[in-house]
Amino acid sequence: ALRAEVERRTDELGAGPWGALGPDGTARLADLLGEFWVA
């Protein structure tokens, strides 16, 4: 439970840039990164 809370807080503290990019921009970036990530 403590480690889960650490991950929850980490995600919460790291969410700002993705909120600024917005859901559409974030989803588009995820799609674009796929082939490069796989490589």
All heavy atoms as atom14 arrays in JSON, in Angstrom:
{
  "sequence": "ALRAEVERRTDELGAGPWGALGPDGTARLADLLGEFWVA",
  "atom14_mask": [
    [1, 1, 1, 1, 1, 0, 0, 0, 0, 0, 0, 0, 0, 0],
    [1, 1, 1, 1, 1, 1, 1, 1, 0, 0, 0, 0, 0, 0],
    [1, 1, 1, 1, 1, 1, 1, 1, 1, 1, 1, 0, 0, 0],
    [1, 1, 1, 1, 1, 0, 0, 0, 0, 0, 0, 0, 0, 0],
    [1, 1, 1, 1, 1, 1, 1, 1, 1, 0, 0, 0, 0, 0],
    [1, 1, 1, 1, 1, 1, 1, 0, 0, 0, 0, 0, 0, 0],
    [1, 1, 1, 1, 1, 1, 1, 1, 1, 0, 0, 0, 0, 0],
    [1, 1, 1, 1, 1, 1, 1, 1, 1, 1, 1, 0, 0, 0],
    [1, 1, 1, 1, 1, 1, 1, 1, 1, 1, 1, 0, 0, 0],
    [1, 1, 1, 1, 1, 1, 1, 0, 0, 0, 0, 0, 0, 0],
    [1, 1, 1, 1, 1, 1, 1, 1, 0, 0, 0, 0, 0, 0],
    [1, 1, 1, 1, 1, 1, 1, 1, 1, 0, 0, 0, 0, 0],
    [1, 1, 1, 1, 1, 1, 1, 1, 0, 0, 0, 0, 0, 0],
    [1, 1, 1, 1, 0, 0, 0, 0, 0, 0, 0, 0, 0, 0],
    [1, 1, 1, 1, 1, 0, 0, 0, 0, 0, 0, 0, 0, 0],
    [1, 1, 1, 1, 0, 0, 0, 0, 0, 0, 0, 0, 0, 0],
    [1, 1, 1, 1, 1, 1, 1, 0, 0, 0, 0, 0, 0, 0],
    [1, 1, 1, 1, 1, 1, 1, 1, 1, 1, 1, 1, 1, 1],
    [1, 1, 1, 1, 0, 0, 0, 0, 0, 0, 0, 0, 0, 0],
    [1, 1, 1, 1, 1, 0, 0, 0, 0, 0, 0, 0, 0, 0],
    [1, 1, 1, 1, 1, 1, 1, 1, 0, 0, 0, 0, 0, 0],
    [1, 1, 1, 1, 0, 0, 0, 0, 0, 0, 0, 0, 0, 0],
    [1, 1, 1, 1, 1, 1, 1, 0, 0, 0, 0, 0, 0, 0],
    [1, 1, 1, 1, 1, 1, 1, 1, 0, 0, 0, 0, 0, 0],
    [1, 1, 1, 1, 0, 0, 0, 0, 0, 0, 0, 0, 0, 0],
    [1, 1, 1, 1, 1, 1, 1, 0, 0, 0, 0, 0, 0, 0],
    [1, 1, 1, 1, 1, 0, 0, 0, 0, 0, 0, 0, 0, 0],
    [1, 1, 1, 1, 1, 1, 1, 1, 1, 1, 1, 0, 0, 0],
    [1, 1, 1, 1, 1, 1, 1, 1, 0, 0, 0, 0, 0, 0],
    [1, 1, 1, 1, 1, 0, 0, 0, 0, 0, 0, 0, 0, 0],
    [1, 1, 1, 1, 1, 1, 1, 1, 0, 0, 0, 0, 0, 0],
    [1, 1, 1, 1, 1, 1, 1, 1, 0, 0, 0, 0, 0, 0],
    [1, 1, 1, 1, 1, 1, 1, 1, 0, 0, 0, 0, 0, 0],
    [1, 1, 1, 1, 0, 0, 0, 0, 0, 0, 0, 0, 0, 0],
    [1, 1, 1, 1, 1, 1, 1, 1, 1, 0, 0, 0, 0, 0],
    [1, 1, 1, 1, 1, 1, 1, 1, 1, 1, 1, 0, 0, 0],
    [1, 1, 1, 1, 1, 1, 1, 1, 1, 1, 1, 1, 1, 1],
    [1, 1, 1, 1, 1, 1, 1, 0, 0, 0, 0, 0, 0, 0],
    [1, 1, 1, 1, 1, 0, 0, 0, 0, 0, 0, 0, 0, 0]
  ],
  "atom14_positions": [
    [[0.83, -1.2, 0.0], [0.0, 0.0, 0.0], [0.87, 1.26, 0.0], [0.56, 2.23, -0.7], [-0.93, -0.01, 1.21], [0.0, 0.0, 0.0], [0.0, 0.0, 0.0], [0.0, 0.0, 0.0], [0.0, 0.0, 0.0], [0.0, 0.0, 0.0], [0.0, 0.0, 0.0], [0.0, 0.0, 0.0], [0.0, 0.0, 0.0], [0.0, 0.0, 0.0]],
    [[1.96, 1.23, 0.76], [2.84, 2.4, 0.79], [3.5, 2.62, -0.56], [3.58, 3.76, -1.03], [3.9, 2.23, 1.88], [4.81, 3.45, 2.08], [4.02, 4.65, 2.6], [5.95, 3.12, 3.04], [0.0, 0.0, 0.0], [0.0, 0.0, 0.0], [0.0, 0.0, 0.0], [0.0, 0.0, 0.0], [0.0, 0.0, 0.0], [0.0, 0.0, 0.0]],
    [[3.97, 1.54, -1.19], [4.59, 1.69, -2.51], [3.55, 2.15, -3.54], [3.88, 2.96, -4.42], [5.23, 0.38, -2.95], [6.49, -0.02, -2.24], [7.66, 0.94, -2.32], [7.89, 1.58, -3.58], [9.03, 2.18, -3.92], [10.07, 2.17, -3.06], [9.17, 2.79, -5.07], [0.0, 0.0, 0.0], [0.0, 0.0, 0.0], [0.0, 0.0, 0.0]],
    [[2.34, 1.69, -3.44], [1.29, 2.15, -4.35], [1.04, 3.64, -4.16], [0.81, 4.38, -5.13], [0.0, 1.36, -4.13], [0.0, 0.0, 0.0], [0.0, 0.0, 0.0], [0.0, 0.0, 0.0], [0.0, 0.0, 0.0], [0.0, 0.0, 0.0], [0.0, 0.0, 0.0], [0.0, 0.0, 0.0], [0.0, 0.0, 0.0], [0.0, 0.0, 0.0]],
    [[1.09, 4.1, -2.91], [0.91, 5.53, -2.64], [2.07, 6.33, -3.2], [1.87, 7.44, -3.72], [0.77, 5.75, -1.13], [0.62, 7.21, -0.7], [-0.64, 7.88, -1.22], [-1.53, 7.18, -1.76], [-0.74, 9.11, -1.09], [0.0, 0.0, 0.0], [0.0, 0.0, 0.0], [0.0, 0.0, 0.0], [0.0, 0.0, 0.0], [0.0, 0.0, 0.0]],
    [[3.29, 5.81, -3.11], [4.44, 6.48, -3.71], [4.24, 6.65, -5.21], [4.48, 7.73, -5.78], [5.74, 5.7, -3.42], [6.89, 6.2, -4.3], [6.12, 5.8, -1.95], [0.0, 0.0, 0.0], [0.0, 0.0, 0.0], [0.0, 0.0, 0.0], [0.0, 0.0, 0.0], [0.0, 0.0, 0.0], [0.0, 0.0, 0.0], [0.0, 0.0, 0.0]],
    [[3.78, 5.6, -5.88], [3.55, 5.69, -7.32], [2.42, 6.65, -7.65], [2.49, 7.4, -8.63], [3.26, 4.3, -7.9], [4.42, 3.33, -7.8], [5.71, 3.86, -8.41], [5.65, 4.46, -9.51], [6.78, 3.67, -7.81], [0.0, 0.0, 0.0], [0.0, 0.0, 0.0], [0.0, 0.0, 0.0], [0.0, 0.0, 0.0], [0.0, 0.0, 0.0]],
    [[1.38, 6.64, -6.82], [0.26, 7.57, -7.06], [0.73, 9.01, -6.94], [0.43, 9.85, -7.8], [-0.87, 7.3, -6.07], [-2.14, 8.12, -6.35], [-3.08, 8.16, -5.17], [-2.51, 8.9, -4.05], [-2.46, 10.24, -3.99], [-2.93, 10.98, -4.99], [-1.94, 10.83, -2.94], [0.0, 0.0, 0.0], [0.0, 0.0, 0.0], [0.0, 0.0, 0.0]],
    [[1.49, 9.3, -5.89], [1.99, 10.66, -5.71], [2.95, 11.05, -6.84], [2.94, 12.17, -7.32], [2.72, 10.79, -4.37], [1.82, 10.85, -3.15], [2.64, 11.12, -1.9], [1.83, 11.13, -0.7], [1.17, 12.2, -0.24], [1.25, 13.34, -0.92], [0.46, 12.14, 0.87], [0.0, 0.0, 0.0], [0.0, 0.0, 0.0], [0.0, 0.0, 0.0]],
    [[3.78, 10.09, -7.25], [4.72, 10.36, -8.34], [3.97, 10.74, -9.62], [4.33, 11.71, -10.3], [5.6, 9.13, -8.59], [6.34, 8.83, -7.41], [6.58, 9.38, -9.73], [0.0, 0.0, 0.0], [0.0, 0.0, 0.0], [0.0, 0.0, 0.0], [0.0, 0.0, 0.0], [0.0, 0.0, 0.0], [0.0, 0.0, 0.0], [0.0, 0.0, 0.0]],
    [[2.96, 9.96, -9.95], [2.16, 10.26, -11.15], [1.46, 11.61, -11.01], [1.4, 12.38, -11.98], [1.12, 9.16, -11.38], [1.75, 7.86, -11.86], [2.9, 7.9, -12.33], [1.08, 6.81, -11.76], [0.0, 0.0, 0.0], [0.0, 0.0, 0.0], [0.0, 0.0, 0.0], [0.0, 0.0, 0.0], [0.0, 0.0, 0.0], [0.0, 0.0, 0.0]],
    [[0.95, 11.88, -9.84], [0.24, 13.14, -9.6], [1.19, 14.32, -9.77], [0.87, 15.32, -10.42], [-0.36, 13.12, -8.2], [-1.23, 14.32, -7.87], [-1.82, 14.19, -6.47], [-1.06, 14.36, -5.49], [-3.02, 13.9, -6.36], [0.0, 0.0, 0.0], [0.0, 0.0, 0.0], [0.0, 0.0, 0.0], [0.0, 0.0, 0.0], [0.0, 0.0, 0.0]],
    [[2.39, 14.2, -9.19], [3.38, 15.28, -9.29], [3.93, 15.42, -10.7], [4.41, 16.49, -11.07], [4.52, 15.01, -8.3], [4.18, 15.16, -6.82], [5.3, 14.61, -5.95], [3.91, 16.62, -6.48], [0.0, 0.0, 0.0], [0.0, 0.0, 0.0], [0.0, 0.0, 0.0], [0.0, 0.0, 0.0], [0.0, 0.0, 0.0], [0.0, 0.0, 0.0]],
    [[3.87, 14.35, -11.49], [4.38, 14.4, -12.85], [3.34, 14.73, -13.89], [3.65, 14.74, -15.1], [0.0, 0.0, 0.0], [0.0, 0.0, 0.0], [0.0, 0.0, 0.0], [0.0, 0.0, 0.0], [0.0, 0.0, 0.0], [0.0, 0.0, 0.0], [0.0, 0.0, 0.0], [0.0, 0.0, 0.0], [0.0, 0.0, 0.0], [0.0, 0.0, 0.0]],
    [[2.11, 14.99, -13.49], [1.01, 15.14, -14.45], [0.96, 16.5, -15.12], [0.33, 16.65, -16.18], [-0.32, 14.88, -13.74], [0.0, 0.0, 0.0], [0.0, 0.0, 0.0], [0.0, 0.0, 0.0], [0.0, 0.0, 0.0], [0.0, 0.0, 0.0], [0.0, 0.0, 0.0], [0.0, 0.0, 0.0], [0.0, 0.0, 0.0], [0.0, 0.0, 0.0]],
    [[1.61, 17.53, -14.54], [1.48, 18.88, -15.05], [1.77, 19.05, -16.53], [0.96, 19.65, -17.27], [0.0, 0.0, 0.0], [0.0, 0.0, 0.0], [0.0, 0.0, 0.0], [0.0, 0.0, 0.0], [0.0, 0.0, 0.0], [0.0, 0.0, 0.0], [0.0, 0.0, 0.0], [0.0, 0.0, 0.0], [0.0, 0.0, 0.0], [0.0, 0.0, 0.0]],
    [[2.89, 18.56, -17.05], [3.18, 18.73, -18.47], [2.12, 18.12, -19.38], [1.83, 18.66, -20.45], [4.53, 18.02, -18.64], [5.16, 18.07, -17.29], [4.02, 17.94, -16.33], [0.0, 0.0, 0.0], [0.0, 0.0, 0.0], [0.0, 0.0, 0.0], [0.0, 0.0, 0.0], [0.0, 0.0, 0.0], [0.0, 0.0, 0.0], [0.0, 0.0, 0.0]],
    [[1.55, 17.01, -18.94], [0.55, 16.34, -19.78], [-0.79, 17.05, -19.72], [-1.55, 17.06, -20.72], [0.45, 14.87, -19.37], [1.81, 14.27, -19.36], [2.52, 13.81, -18.29], [2.69, 14.13, -20.48], [3.76, 13.39, -18.66], [3.91, 13.58, -20.01], [2.57, 14.43, -21.84], [4.99, 13.31, -20.85], [3.65, 14.17, -22.68], [4.84, 13.61, -22.19]],
    [[-1.07, 17.66, -18.58], [-2.26, 18.5, -18.52], [-2.13, 19.7, -19.44], [-3.1, 20.11, -20.09], [0.0, 0.0, 0.0], [0.0, 0.0, 0.0], [0.0, 0.0, 0.0], [0.0, 0.0, 0.0], [0.0, 0.0, 0.0], [0.0, 0.0, 0.0], [0.0, 0.0, 0.0], [0.0, 0.0, 0.0], [0.0, 0.0, 0.0], [0.0, 0.0, 0.0]],
    [[-0.93, 20.27, -19.52], [-0.7, 21.41, -20.4], [-0.78, 21.01, -21.86], [-1.3, 21.76, -22.7], [0.67, 22.03, -20.1], [0.0, 0.0, 0.0], [0.0, 0.0, 0.0], [0.0, 0.0, 0.0], [0.0, 0.0, 0.0], [0.0, 0.0, 0.0], [0.0, 0.0, 0.0], [0.0, 0.0, 0.0], [0.0, 0.0, 0.0], [0.0, 0.0, 0.0]],
    [[-0.27, 19.83, -22.19], [-0.33, 19.37, -23.58], [-1.75, 18.98, -23.97], [-2.15, 19.11, -25.14], [0.6, 18.17, -23.77], [0.81, 17.66, -25.2], [1.38, 18.76, -26.1], [1.73, 16.45, -25.21], [0.0, 0.0, 0.0], [0.0, 0.0, 0.0], [0.0, 0.0, 0.0], [0.0, 0.0, 0.0], [0.0, 0.0, 0.0], [0.0, 0.0, 0.0]],
    [[-2.54, 18.55, -22.99], [-3.93, 18.2, -23.24], [-4.09, 16.75, -23.68], [-3.14, 16.13, -24.17], [0.0, 0.0, 0.0], [0.0, 0.0, 0.0], [0.0, 0.0, 0.0], [0.0, 0.0, 0.0], [0.0, 0.0, 0.0], [0.0, 0.0, 0.0], [0.0, 0.0, 0.0], [0.0, 0.0, 0.0], [0.0, 0.0, 0.0], [0.0, 0.0, 0.0]],
    [[-5.29, 16.2, -23.52], [-5.5, 14.78, -23.85], [-5.28, 14.46, -25.32], [-4.73, 13.4, -25.65], [-6.96, 14.52, -23.42], [-7.59, 15.88, -23.33], [-6.5, 16.82, -22.94], [0.0, 0.0, 0.0], [0.0, 0.0, 0.0], [0.0, 0.0, 0.0], [0.0, 0.0, 0.0], [0.0, 0.0, 0.0], [0.0, 0.0, 0.0], [0.0, 0.0, 0.0]],
    [[-5.67, 15.36, -26.21], [-5.49, 15.08, -27.64], [-4.02, 15.12, -28.03], [-3.53, 14.24, -28.75], [-6.28, 16.09, -28.48], [-7.78, 15.91, -28.36], [-8.22, 14.82, -27.91], [-8.52, 16.86, -28.69], [0.0, 0.0, 0.0], [0.0, 0.0, 0.0], [0.0, 0.0, 0.0], [0.0, 0.0, 0.0], [0.0, 0.0, 0.0], [0.0, 0.0, 0.0]],
    [[-3.31, 16.14, -27.54], [-1.89, 16.23, -27.84], [-1.11, 15.08, -27.24], [-0.19, 14.54, -27.86], [0.0, 0.0, 0.0], [0.0, 0.0, 0.0], [0.0, 0.0, 0.0], [0.0, 0.0, 0.0], [0.0, 0.0, 0.0], [0.0, 0.0, 0.0], [0.0, 0.0, 0.0], [0.0, 0.0, 0.0], [0.0, 0.0, 0.0], [0.0, 0.0, 0.0]],
    [[-1.47, 14.68, -26.01], [-0.78, 13.58, -25.35], [-1.03, 12.27, -26.1], [-0.11, 11.47, -26.32], [-1.24, 13.46, -23.89], [-0.96, 14.68, -23.2], [-0.54, 12.31, -23.19], [0.0, 0.0, 0.0], [0.0, 0.0, 0.0], [0.0, 0.0, 0.0], [0.0, 0.0, 0.0], [0.0, 0.0, 0.0], [0.0, 0.0, 0.0], [0.0, 0.0, 0.0]],
    [[-2.29, 12.03, -26.5], [-2.61, 10.82, -27.25], [-1.89, 10.79, -28.6], [-1.41, 9.73, -29.03], [-4.12, 10.72, -27.46], [0.0, 0.0, 0.0], [0.0, 0.0, 0.0], [0.0, 0.0, 0.0], [0.0, 0.0, 0.0], [0.0, 0.0, 0.0], [0.0, 0.0, 0.0], [0.0, 0.0, 0.0], [0.0, 0.0, 0.0], [0.0, 0.0, 0.0]],
    [[-1.82, 11.94, -29.24], [-1.12, 12.0, -30.53], [0.37, 11.71, -30.35], [0.96, 10.97, -31.14], [-1.31, 13.39, -31.16], [-0.56, 13.61, -32.47], [-0.97, 12.62, -33.54], [-0.28, 12.89, -34.8], [-0.21, 12.02, -35.82], [-0.78, 10.82, -35.71], [0.42, 12.34, -36.93], [0.0, 0.0, 0.0], [0.0, 0.0, 0.0], [0.0, 0.0, 0.0]],
    [[0.97, 12.26, -29.31], [2.38, 11.99, -29.05], [2.6, 10.51, -28.77], [3.56, 9.92, -29.28], [2.88, 12.84, -27.88], [4.33, 12.6, -27.45], [5.3, 12.83, -28.61], [4.69, 13.51, -26.27], [0.0, 0.0, 0.0], [0.0, 0.0, 0.0], [0.0, 0.0, 0.0], [0.0, 0.0, 0.0], [0.0, 0.0, 0.0], [0.0, 0.0, 0.0]],
    [[1.73, 9.91, -27.98], [1.86, 8.48, -27.7], [1.81, 7.67, -28.99], [2.61, 6.73, -29.18], [0.76, 8.04, -26.74], [0.0, 0.0, 0.0], [0.0, 0.0, 0.0], [0.0, 0.0, 0.0], [0.0, 0.0, 0.0], [0.0, 0.0, 0.0], [0.0, 0.0, 0.0], [0.0, 0.0, 0.0], [0.0, 0.0, 0.0], [0.0, 0.0, 0.0]],
    [[0.91, 8.01, -29.88], [0.81, 7.29, -31.16], [2.09, 7.46, -31.99], [2.59, 6.5, -32.58], [-0.39, 7.79, -31.96], [-1.72, 7.34, -31.38], [-1.72, 6.37, -30.58], [-2.75, 7.94, -31.72], [0.0, 0.0, 0.0], [0.0, 0.0, 0.0], [0.0, 0.0, 0.0], [0.0, 0.0, 0.0], [0.0, 0.0, 0.0], [0.0, 0.0, 0.0]],
    [[2.59, 8.67, -32.02], [3.78, 8.95, -32.83], [5.02, 8.25, -32.28], [5.9, 7.85, -33.04], [4.03, 10.46, -32.89], [3.03, 11.28, -33.7], [3.19, 12.76, -33.38], [3.22, 11.04, -35.2], [0.0, 0.0, 0.0], [0.0, 0.0, 0.0], [0.0, 0.0, 0.0], [0.0, 0.0, 0.0], [0.0, 0.0, 0.0], [0.0, 0.0, 0.0]],
    [[5.1, 8.13, -30.95], [6.3, 7.56, -30.35], [6.38, 6.05, -30.51], [7.47, 5.47, -30.36], [6.33, 7.9, -28.85], [6.61, 9.34, -28.46], [6.53, 9.51, -26.95], [7.98, 9.8, -28.96], [0.0, 0.0, 0.0], [0.0, 0.0, 0.0], [0.0, 0.0, 0.0], [0.0, 0.0, 0.0], [0.0, 0.0, 0.0], [0.0, 0.0, 0.0]],
    [[5.26, 5.41, -30.8], [5.21, 3.95, -30.79], [6.31, 3.27, -31.59], [7.04, 2.42, -31.07], [0.0, 0.0, 0.0], [0.0, 0.0, 0.0], [0.0, 0.0, 0.0], [0.0, 0.0, 0.0], [0.0, 0.0, 0.0], [0.0, 0.0, 0.0], [0.0, 0.0, 0.0], [0.0, 0.0, 0.0], [0.0, 0.0, 0.0], [0.0, 0.0, 0.0]],
    [[6.47, 3.64, -32.84], [7.45, 2.95, -33.68], [8.88, 3.21, -33.21], [9.75, 2.33, -33.3], [7.31, 3.38, -35.15], [7.63, 4.84, -35.42], [7.75, 5.14, -36.92], [8.66, 4.57, -37.57], [6.94, 5.94, -37.43], [0.0, 0.0, 0.0], [0.0, 0.0, 0.0], [0.0, 0.0, 0.0], [0.0, 0.0, 0.0], [0.0, 0.0, 0.0]],
    [[9.13, 4.41, -32.69], [10.48, 4.74, -32.23], [10.79, 4.02, -30.91], [11.91, 3.57, -30.69], [10.62, 6.25, -32.09], [10.35, 6.97, -33.39], [9.15, 7.64, -33.61], [11.28, 6.95, -34.41], [8.89, 8.28, -34.8], [11.04, 7.58, -35.61], [9.83, 8.24, -35.81], [0.0, 0.0, 0.0], [0.0, 0.0, 0.0], [0.0, 0.0, 0.0]],
    [[9.79, 3.91, -30.06], [9.92, 3.16, -28.81], [10.21, 1.69, -29.09], [11.11, 1.1, -28.49], [8.61, 3.34, -28.02], [8.49, 2.6, -26.75], [9.04, 2.93, -25.55], [7.7, 1.41, -26.52], [8.66, 2.02, -24.57], [7.84, 1.09, -25.15], [6.9, 0.62, -27.33], [7.21, -0.01, -24.58], [6.27, -0.49, -26.77], [6.42, -0.78, -25.41]],
    [[9.45, 1.11, -30.01], [9.65, -0.29, -30.38], [11.05, -0.51, -30.93], [11.73, -1.5, -30.61], [8.58, -0.74, -31.39], [8.96, -2.09, -32.01], [7.22, -0.83, -30.72], [0.0, 0.0, 0.0], [0.0, 0.0, 0.0], [0.0, 0.0, 0.0], [0.0, 0.0, 0.0], [0.0, 0.0, 0.0], [0.0, 0.0, 0.0], [0.0, 0.0, 0.0]],
    [[11.53, 0.43, -31.74], [12.87, 0.29, -32.32], [13.95, 0.35, -31.26], [14.93, -0.4, -31.32], [13.1, 1.38, -33.37], [0.0, 0.0, 0.0], [0.0, 0.0, 0.0], [0.0, 0.0, 0.0], [0.0, 0.0, 0.0], [0.0, 0.0, 0.0], [0.0, 0.0, 0.0], [0.0, 0.0, 0.0], [0.0, 0.0, 0.0], [0.0, 0.0, 0.0]]
  ]
}
